[in-house]
Amino acid sequence: MEVDEFTNRLVRMPRRRLPAGAAFLVGATLLVFGGVAPVAHSVGGGAGLVAAGTAAVVCLSGALLALVASGVFCDPGRVLSGFLVGTTLRTGVPLCAALVVQVAVPVLADAHVLVYFLAFYPVTLFVETLVSLPGAYRSEQGGELPRSPVL
């Protein structure tokens, strides 16, 4: 896909879908962080908070990238491409980052960063999937967005 085509697809997305979905995703992640932060601080002190924050930001980044991919590939003929790109981003970003952080940053590894990845990943996966589903938003004309034959 060329850059111009990508830009055109991003501009044609329903105007409220990406910002509303991203805001919902950020809010859900912050809500979970609010519950995890006291536990992280009591278990690992400052390093525990950094580990929880790192996991939250990485999982949120992967989910936001997948949300953009699902919007860019929302045409009925490109649903499978959107699914594959979104799944790769949603899973690959947190998985690779967790591996790198666990191996390269011993302070965060000692603070149990992988546990925090396991706390944030399912939440971001669920919320990003929920807001990416066709029909999750209404179009500007008041009708539902076209449903995908795959979903």
N, C-alpha and C. Protein backbone atom coordinates (compact mmCIF):
# COMPACT_ATOMS: atom_id res chain seq x y z
N MET A 1 0.84 -1.17 0.00
CA MET A 1 0.00 0.00 0.00
C MET A 1 0.89 1.23 0.00
N GLU A 2 0.59 2.15 -0.89
CA GLU A 2 1.38 3.37 -0.99
C GLU A 2 1.01 4.33 0.13
N VAL A 3 1.88 5.28 0.37
CA VAL A 3 1.67 6.25 1.44
C VAL A 3 0.43 7.09 1.18
N ASP A 4 0.21 7.51 -0.06
CA ASP A 4 -0.97 8.31 -0.37
C ASP A 4 -2.26 7.53 -0.13
N GLU A 5 -2.28 6.26 -0.51
CA GLU A 5 -3.46 5.44 -0.29
C GLU A 5 -3.70 5.25 1.20
N PHE A 6 -2.63 5.03 1.96
CA PHE A 6 -2.75 4.88 3.41
C PHE A 6 -3.32 6.16 4.03
N THR A 7 -2.82 7.30 3.61
CA THR A 7 -3.30 8.58 4.14
C THR A 7 -4.76 8.79 3.79
N ASN A 8 -5.14 8.47 2.56
CA ASN A 8 -6.54 8.62 2.15
C ASN A 8 -7.45 7.72 2.97
N ARG A 9 -7.04 6.51 3.24
CA ARG A 9 -7.85 5.59 4.04
C ARG A 9 -7.98 6.10 5.47
N LEU A 10 -6.90 6.63 6.02
CA LEU A 10 -6.93 7.15 7.38
C LEU A 10 -7.87 8.35 7.48
N VAL A 11 -7.86 9.20 6.45
CA VAL A 11 -8.73 10.37 6.44
C VAL A 11 -10.19 9.96 6.28
N ARG A 12 -10.47 8.90 5.53
CA ARG A 12 -11.85 8.49 5.28
C ARG A 12 -12.47 7.70 6.43
N MET A 13 -11.69 7.35 7.45
CA MET A 13 -12.26 6.63 8.59
C MET A 13 -13.37 7.48 9.19
N PRO A 14 -14.37 6.84 9.78
CA PRO A 14 -15.39 7.64 10.46
C PRO A 14 -14.71 8.57 11.46
N ARG A 15 -15.14 9.81 11.47
CA ARG A 15 -14.42 10.84 12.21
C ARG A 15 -14.30 10.57 13.69
N ARG A 16 -15.28 9.97 14.27
CA ARG A 16 -15.24 9.77 15.71
C ARG A 16 -14.71 8.41 16.12
N ARG A 17 -14.54 7.52 15.19
CA ARG A 17 -14.19 6.15 15.54
C ARG A 17 -12.81 6.05 16.18
N LEU A 18 -11.80 6.59 15.54
CA LEU A 18 -10.44 6.46 16.07
C LEU A 18 -10.25 7.23 17.37
N PRO A 19 -10.63 8.50 17.46
CA PRO A 19 -10.43 9.20 18.74
C PRO A 19 -11.25 8.61 19.88
N ALA A 20 -12.49 8.22 19.61
CA ALA A 20 -13.33 7.65 20.66
C ALA A 20 -12.79 6.30 21.10
N GLY A 21 -12.39 5.48 20.15
CA GLY A 21 -11.82 4.18 20.49
C GLY A 21 -10.52 4.31 21.25
N ALA A 22 -9.67 5.24 20.81
CA ALA A 22 -8.40 5.46 21.50
C ALA A 22 -8.63 5.98 22.91
N ALA A 23 -9.59 6.88 23.07
CA ALA A 23 -9.89 7.41 24.41
C ALA A 23 -10.42 6.32 25.32
N PHE A 24 -11.27 5.47 24.80
CA PHE A 24 -11.80 4.36 25.58
C PHE A 24 -10.68 3.40 25.97
N LEU A 25 -9.78 3.15 25.06
CA LEU A 25 -8.65 2.27 25.31
C LEU A 25 -7.71 2.85 26.37
N VAL A 26 -7.41 4.13 26.26
CA VAL A 26 -6.55 4.79 27.24
C VAL A 26 -7.23 4.80 28.61
N GLY A 27 -8.53 5.08 28.63
CA GLY A 27 -9.25 5.10 29.90
C GLY A 27 -9.26 3.74 30.58
N ALA A 28 -9.49 2.68 29.82
CA ALA A 28 -9.49 1.33 30.40
C ALA A 28 -8.11 0.97 30.93
N THR A 29 -7.07 1.35 30.20
CA THR A 29 -5.71 1.06 30.64
C THR A 29 -5.39 1.84 31.92
N LEU A 30 -5.78 3.10 31.98
CA LEU A 30 -5.56 3.89 33.19
C LEU A 30 -6.33 3.33 34.38
N LEU A 31 -7.53 2.85 34.13
CA LEU A 31 -8.33 2.24 35.20
C LEU A 31 -7.63 1.01 35.77
N VAL A 32 -7.12 0.17 34.90
CA VAL A 32 -6.39 -1.02 35.36
C VAL A 32 -5.10 -0.61 36.05
N PHE A 33 -4.41 0.39 35.51
CA PHE A 33 -3.19 0.86 36.15
C PHE A 33 -3.48 1.37 37.56
N GLY A 34 -4.61 2.03 37.73
CA GLY A 34 -4.98 2.49 39.06
C GLY A 34 -5.16 1.36 40.05
N GLY A 35 -5.58 0.21 39.59
CA GLY A 35 -5.70 -0.95 40.46
C GLY A 35 -4.39 -1.70 40.65
N VAL A 36 -3.57 -1.70 39.63
CA VAL A 36 -2.31 -2.44 39.68
C VAL A 36 -1.21 -1.66 40.40
N ALA A 37 -1.23 -0.34 40.30
CA ALA A 37 -0.15 0.49 40.85
C ALA A 37 0.09 0.29 42.35
N PRO A 38 -0.95 0.25 43.19
CA PRO A 38 -0.67 0.02 44.61
C PRO A 38 -0.03 -1.33 44.89
N VAL A 39 -0.46 -2.34 44.16
CA VAL A 39 0.14 -3.67 44.32
C VAL A 39 1.58 -3.65 43.84
N ALA A 40 1.82 -3.02 42.70
CA ALA A 40 3.18 -2.94 42.16
C ALA A 40 4.10 -2.20 43.11
N HIS A 41 3.61 -1.14 43.72
CA HIS A 41 4.43 -0.37 44.66
C HIS A 41 4.70 -1.15 45.93
N SER A 42 3.70 -1.87 46.42
CA SER A 42 3.91 -2.62 47.66
C SER A 42 4.83 -3.82 47.44
N VAL A 43 4.79 -4.40 46.25
CA VAL A 43 5.64 -5.57 45.97
C VAL A 43 7.04 -5.16 45.55
N GLY A 44 7.15 -4.16 44.68
CA GLY A 44 8.46 -3.85 44.10
C GLY A 44 8.94 -2.43 44.31
N GLY A 45 8.20 -1.63 45.07
CA GLY A 45 8.61 -0.25 45.29
C GLY A 45 8.56 0.55 44.00
N GLY A 46 9.50 1.46 43.84
CA GLY A 46 9.56 2.30 42.65
C GLY A 46 9.79 1.50 41.39
N ALA A 47 10.60 0.47 41.47
CA ALA A 47 10.85 -0.37 40.30
C ALA A 47 9.58 -1.11 39.88
N GLY A 48 8.77 -1.47 40.84
CA GLY A 48 7.50 -2.13 40.53
C GLY A 48 6.55 -1.19 39.79
N LEU A 49 6.53 0.07 40.22
CA LEU A 49 5.70 1.07 39.52
C LEU A 49 6.19 1.29 38.10
N VAL A 50 7.52 1.36 37.93
CA VAL A 50 8.08 1.54 36.59
C VAL A 50 7.77 0.31 35.72
N ALA A 51 7.86 -0.87 36.31
CA ALA A 51 7.56 -2.09 35.56
C ALA A 51 6.09 -2.11 35.14
N ALA A 52 5.19 -1.73 36.03
CA ALA A 52 3.76 -1.70 35.69
C ALA A 52 3.49 -0.63 34.65
N GLY A 53 4.11 0.52 34.77
CA GLY A 53 3.93 1.58 33.79
C GLY A 53 4.47 1.19 32.42
N THR A 54 5.61 0.52 32.42
CA THR A 54 6.19 0.06 31.16
C THR A 54 5.26 -0.93 30.46
N ALA A 55 4.74 -1.88 31.21
CA ALA A 55 3.83 -2.86 30.63
C ALA A 55 2.56 -2.18 30.12
N ALA A 56 2.05 -1.21 30.86
CA ALA A 56 0.83 -0.52 30.44
C ALA A 56 1.06 0.25 29.14
N VAL A 57 2.15 0.97 29.06
CA VAL A 57 2.44 1.78 27.87
C VAL A 57 2.68 0.89 26.65
N VAL A 58 3.41 -0.19 26.83
CA VAL A 58 3.70 -1.08 25.69
C VAL A 58 2.42 -1.77 25.19
N CYS A 59 1.62 -2.28 26.11
CA CYS A 59 0.38 -2.93 25.69
C CYS A 59 -0.58 -1.93 25.06
N LEU A 60 -0.64 -0.74 25.60
CA LEU A 60 -1.48 0.31 25.03
C LEU A 60 -0.99 0.69 23.64
N SER A 61 0.31 0.79 23.44
CA SER A 61 0.86 1.13 22.12
C SER A 61 0.49 0.09 21.07
N GLY A 62 0.65 -1.17 21.42
CA GLY A 62 0.28 -2.23 20.48
C GLY A 62 -1.20 -2.19 20.14
N ALA A 63 -2.04 -1.95 21.13
CA ALA A 63 -3.48 -1.89 20.89
C ALA A 63 -3.86 -0.68 20.05
N LEU A 64 -3.24 0.46 20.29
CA LEU A 64 -3.53 1.65 19.49
C LEU A 64 -3.11 1.46 18.04
N LEU A 65 -1.95 0.84 17.83
CA LEU A 65 -1.51 0.56 16.47
C LEU A 65 -2.48 -0.39 15.77
N ALA A 66 -2.95 -1.40 16.48
CA ALA A 66 -3.92 -2.33 15.91
C ALA A 66 -5.24 -1.64 15.61
N LEU A 67 -5.64 -0.69 16.45
CA LEU A 67 -6.87 0.06 16.23
C LEU A 67 -6.77 0.88 14.94
N VAL A 68 -5.63 1.51 14.74
CA VAL A 68 -5.41 2.28 13.50
C VAL A 68 -5.43 1.33 12.30
N ALA A 69 -4.78 0.18 12.42
CA ALA A 69 -4.75 -0.78 11.32
C ALA A 69 -6.16 -1.27 10.97
N SER A 70 -6.98 -1.53 11.98
CA SER A 70 -8.34 -1.99 11.70
C SER A 70 -9.17 -0.91 11.02
N GLY A 71 -8.87 0.35 11.30
CA GLY A 71 -9.58 1.43 10.64
C GLY A 71 -9.11 1.64 9.22
N VAL A 72 -7.83 1.48 9.00
CA VAL A 72 -7.28 1.68 7.66
C VAL A 72 -7.76 0.58 6.71
N PHE A 73 -7.86 -0.63 7.21
CA PHE A 73 -8.25 -1.77 6.38
C PHE A 73 -9.72 -2.13 6.61
N CYS A 74 -10.60 -1.13 6.71
CA CYS A 74 -12.00 -1.41 7.02
C CYS A 74 -12.85 -1.75 5.81
N ASP A 75 -12.32 -1.61 4.60
CA ASP A 75 -13.08 -1.97 3.41
C ASP A 75 -13.38 -3.46 3.41
N PRO A 76 -14.55 -3.87 2.91
CA PRO A 76 -14.89 -5.29 2.92
C PRO A 76 -13.86 -6.19 2.22
N GLY A 77 -13.18 -5.69 1.20
CA GLY A 77 -12.19 -6.49 0.50
C GLY A 77 -10.87 -6.60 1.23
N ARG A 78 -10.68 -5.81 2.27
CA ARG A 78 -9.40 -5.82 2.98
C ARG A 78 -9.54 -6.18 4.45
N VAL A 79 -10.63 -6.79 4.82
CA VAL A 79 -10.85 -7.14 6.22
C VAL A 79 -9.81 -8.14 6.70
N LEU A 80 -9.49 -9.12 5.87
CA LEU A 80 -8.50 -10.12 6.27
C LEU A 80 -7.12 -9.47 6.47
N SER A 81 -6.76 -8.55 5.59
CA SER A 81 -5.49 -7.83 5.76
C SER A 81 -5.48 -7.05 7.06
N GLY A 82 -6.58 -6.38 7.36
CA GLY A 82 -6.67 -5.64 8.61
C GLY A 82 -6.58 -6.54 9.82
N PHE A 83 -7.21 -7.69 9.73
CA PHE A 83 -7.15 -8.65 10.82
C PHE A 83 -5.71 -9.13 11.04
N LEU A 84 -5.03 -9.46 9.97
CA LEU A 84 -3.66 -9.98 10.09
C LEU A 84 -2.69 -8.90 10.58
N VAL A 85 -2.79 -7.70 10.04
CA VAL A 85 -1.91 -6.61 10.48
C VAL A 85 -2.22 -6.24 11.93
N GLY A 86 -3.51 -6.13 12.25
CA GLY A 86 -3.90 -5.80 13.62
C GLY A 86 -3.44 -6.84 14.63
N THR A 87 -3.61 -8.10 14.29
CA THR A 87 -3.19 -9.17 15.20
C THR A 87 -1.68 -9.16 15.38
N THR A 88 -0.96 -8.92 14.30
CA THR A 88 0.50 -8.87 14.40
C THR A 88 0.94 -7.73 15.31
N LEU A 89 0.35 -6.58 15.14
CA LEU A 89 0.71 -5.42 15.97
C LEU A 89 0.26 -5.62 17.41
N ARG A 90 -0.97 -6.06 17.60
CA ARG A 90 -1.55 -6.22 18.92
C ARG A 90 -0.78 -7.25 19.75
N THR A 91 -0.30 -8.30 19.10
CA THR A 91 0.41 -9.35 19.81
C THR A 91 1.92 -9.16 19.75
N GLY A 92 2.43 -8.77 18.59
CA GLY A 92 3.87 -8.69 18.40
C GLY A 92 4.55 -7.60 19.21
N VAL A 93 3.93 -6.42 19.28
CA VAL A 93 4.56 -5.32 20.02
C VAL A 93 4.73 -5.68 21.49
N PRO A 94 3.68 -6.11 22.21
CA PRO A 94 3.89 -6.46 23.62
C PRO A 94 4.80 -7.67 23.82
N LEU A 95 4.68 -8.65 22.94
CA LEU A 95 5.50 -9.86 23.11
C LEU A 95 6.98 -9.56 22.92
N CYS A 96 7.32 -8.84 21.86
CA CYS A 96 8.72 -8.49 21.63
C CYS A 96 9.26 -7.56 22.71
N ALA A 97 8.45 -6.59 23.11
CA ALA A 97 8.90 -5.68 24.17
C ALA A 97 9.08 -6.41 25.49
N ALA A 98 8.18 -7.33 25.81
CA ALA A 98 8.32 -8.09 27.05
C ALA A 98 9.61 -8.91 27.04
N LEU A 99 9.92 -9.51 25.91
CA LEU A 99 11.16 -10.28 25.80
C LEU A 99 12.38 -9.39 25.96
N VAL A 100 12.39 -8.25 25.27
CA VAL A 100 13.53 -7.34 25.35
C VAL A 100 13.70 -6.79 26.77
N VAL A 101 12.60 -6.37 27.37
CA VAL A 101 12.68 -5.81 28.73
C VAL A 101 13.13 -6.88 29.72
N GLN A 102 12.61 -8.08 29.60
CA GLN A 102 12.97 -9.16 30.53
C GLN A 102 14.46 -9.50 30.43
N VAL A 103 15.00 -9.46 29.23
CA VAL A 103 16.41 -9.84 29.03
C VAL A 103 17.35 -8.67 29.25
N ALA A 104 16.99 -7.49 28.78
CA ALA A 104 17.93 -6.37 28.76
C ALA A 104 17.84 -5.45 29.98
N VAL A 105 16.77 -5.50 30.74
CA VAL A 105 16.62 -4.59 31.88
C VAL A 105 16.40 -5.43 33.14
N PRO A 106 17.48 -5.83 33.79
CA PRO A 106 17.35 -6.71 34.95
C PRO A 106 16.56 -6.10 36.11
N VAL A 107 16.59 -4.78 36.24
CA VAL A 107 15.84 -4.14 37.33
C VAL A 107 14.34 -4.38 37.16
N LEU A 108 13.86 -4.24 35.93
CA LEU A 108 12.44 -4.48 35.68
C LEU A 108 12.11 -5.97 35.70
N ALA A 109 13.04 -6.79 35.30
CA ALA A 109 12.83 -8.24 35.38
C ALA A 109 12.69 -8.66 36.84
N ASP A 110 13.52 -8.08 37.72
CA ASP A 110 13.42 -8.38 39.14
C ASP A 110 12.13 -7.84 39.75
N ALA A 111 11.57 -6.81 39.13
CA ALA A 111 10.31 -6.22 39.59
C ALA A 111 9.09 -6.94 38.99
N HIS A 112 9.31 -8.06 38.34
CA HIS A 112 8.24 -8.91 37.80
C HIS A 112 7.45 -8.23 36.68
N VAL A 113 8.16 -7.65 35.73
CA VAL A 113 7.50 -6.94 34.64
C VAL A 113 6.59 -7.85 33.82
N LEU A 114 6.93 -9.13 33.70
CA LEU A 114 6.09 -10.04 32.91
C LEU A 114 4.72 -10.22 33.54
N VAL A 115 4.64 -10.17 34.86
CA VAL A 115 3.35 -10.27 35.53
C VAL A 115 2.47 -9.09 35.14
N TYR A 116 3.06 -7.93 35.03
CA TYR A 116 2.29 -6.75 34.68
C TYR A 116 1.87 -6.78 33.21
N PHE A 117 2.72 -7.36 32.35
CA PHE A 117 2.29 -7.56 30.97
C PHE A 117 1.06 -8.47 30.94
N LEU A 118 1.05 -9.49 31.77
CA LEU A 118 -0.09 -10.40 31.82
C LEU A 118 -1.33 -9.72 32.40
N ALA A 119 -1.15 -8.66 33.16
CA ALA A 119 -2.29 -7.93 33.69
C ALA A 119 -2.88 -6.98 32.65
N PHE A 120 -2.03 -6.33 31.87
CA PHE A 120 -2.50 -5.31 30.94
C PHE A 120 -2.88 -5.85 29.58
N TYR A 121 -2.22 -6.89 29.12
CA TYR A 121 -2.47 -7.37 27.76
C TYR A 121 -3.93 -7.81 27.55
N PRO A 122 -4.52 -8.62 28.43
CA PRO A 122 -5.90 -9.03 28.16
C PRO A 122 -6.89 -7.86 28.14
N VAL A 123 -6.64 -6.87 28.97
CA VAL A 123 -7.53 -5.71 29.00
C VAL A 123 -7.44 -4.94 27.69
N THR A 124 -6.23 -4.65 27.24
CA THR A 124 -6.08 -3.90 25.99
C THR A 124 -6.57 -4.73 24.80
N LEU A 125 -6.37 -6.04 24.84
CA LEU A 125 -6.88 -6.91 23.77
C LEU A 125 -8.41 -6.85 23.71
N PHE A 126 -9.05 -6.99 24.84
CA PHE A 126 -10.51 -6.99 24.88
C PHE A 126 -11.08 -5.65 24.41
N VAL A 127 -10.56 -4.57 24.95
CA VAL A 127 -11.10 -3.25 24.63
C VAL A 127 -10.82 -2.89 23.17
N GLU A 128 -9.62 -3.17 22.68
CA GLU A 128 -9.30 -2.85 21.29
C GLU A 128 -10.16 -3.68 20.34
N THR A 129 -10.40 -4.93 20.66
CA THR A 129 -11.26 -5.76 19.83
C THR A 129 -12.69 -5.24 19.85
N LEU A 130 -13.15 -4.83 21.01
CA LEU A 130 -14.50 -4.30 21.15
C LEU A 130 -14.70 -3.04 20.30
N VAL A 131 -13.77 -2.12 20.35
CA VAL A 131 -13.95 -0.88 19.60
C VAL A 131 -13.63 -1.04 18.12
N SER A 132 -12.97 -2.12 17.74
CA SER A 132 -12.66 -2.36 16.32
C SER A 132 -13.78 -3.07 15.58
N LEU A 133 -14.72 -3.65 16.29
CA LEU A 133 -15.77 -4.41 15.64
C LEU A 133 -16.65 -3.51 14.78
N PRO A 134 -16.99 -3.98 13.59
CA PRO A 134 -17.92 -3.20 12.76
C PRO A 134 -19.26 -3.09 13.49
N GLY A 135 -19.85 -1.92 13.40
CA GLY A 135 -21.12 -1.71 14.08
C GLY A 135 -20.95 -1.21 15.51
N ALA A 136 -19.71 -1.08 15.96
CA ALA A 136 -19.48 -0.58 17.31
C ALA A 136 -19.79 0.91 17.37
N TYR A 137 -19.76 1.56 16.23
CA TYR A 137 -20.07 2.99 16.14
C TYR A 137 -21.12 3.19 15.06
N ARG A 138 -21.78 4.26 15.12
CA ARG A 138 -22.75 4.62 14.09
C ARG A 138 -22.10 5.59 13.13
N SER A 139 -22.51 5.55 11.89
CA SER A 139 -21.96 6.49 10.92
C SER A 139 -22.56 7.87 11.15
N GLU A 140 -22.00 8.86 10.47
CA GLU A 140 -22.47 10.23 10.64
C GLU A 140 -23.89 10.42 10.09
N GLN A 141 -24.35 9.56 9.19
CA GLN A 141 -25.70 9.68 8.65
C GLN A 141 -26.73 9.08 9.60
N GLY A 142 -26.29 8.46 10.68
CA GLY A 142 -27.21 7.90 11.66
C GLY A 142 -27.41 6.41 11.53
N GLY A 143 -27.02 5.82 10.42
CA GLY A 143 -27.17 4.39 10.26
C GLY A 143 -25.94 3.65 10.77
N GLU A 144 -26.05 2.33 10.81
CA GLU A 144 -24.90 1.55 11.25
C GLU A 144 -23.87 1.49 10.15
N LEU A 145 -22.62 1.31 10.54
CA LEU A 145 -21.56 1.10 9.58
C LEU A 145 -21.75 -0.27 8.94
N PRO A 146 -21.29 -0.48 7.72
CA PRO A 146 -21.47 -1.78 7.09
C PRO A 146 -20.79 -2.88 7.88
N ARG A 147 -21.46 -4.00 8.02
CA ARG A 147 -20.90 -5.13 8.76
C ARG A 147 -20.03 -5.96 7.83
N SER A 148 -18.96 -6.48 8.39
CA SER A 148 -18.05 -7.30 7.63
C SER A 148 -18.62 -8.70 7.48
N PRO A 149 -18.47 -9.34 6.33
CA PRO A 149 -18.96 -10.71 6.18
C PRO A 149 -18.13 -11.69 7.00
N VAL A 150 -16.93 -11.32 7.40
CA VAL A 150 -16.07 -12.23 8.16
C VAL A 150 -16.48 -12.25 9.61
N LEU A 151 -16.89 -11.11 10.17
CA LEU A 151 -17.20 -11.04 11.60
C LEU A 151 -18.65 -11.28 11.87
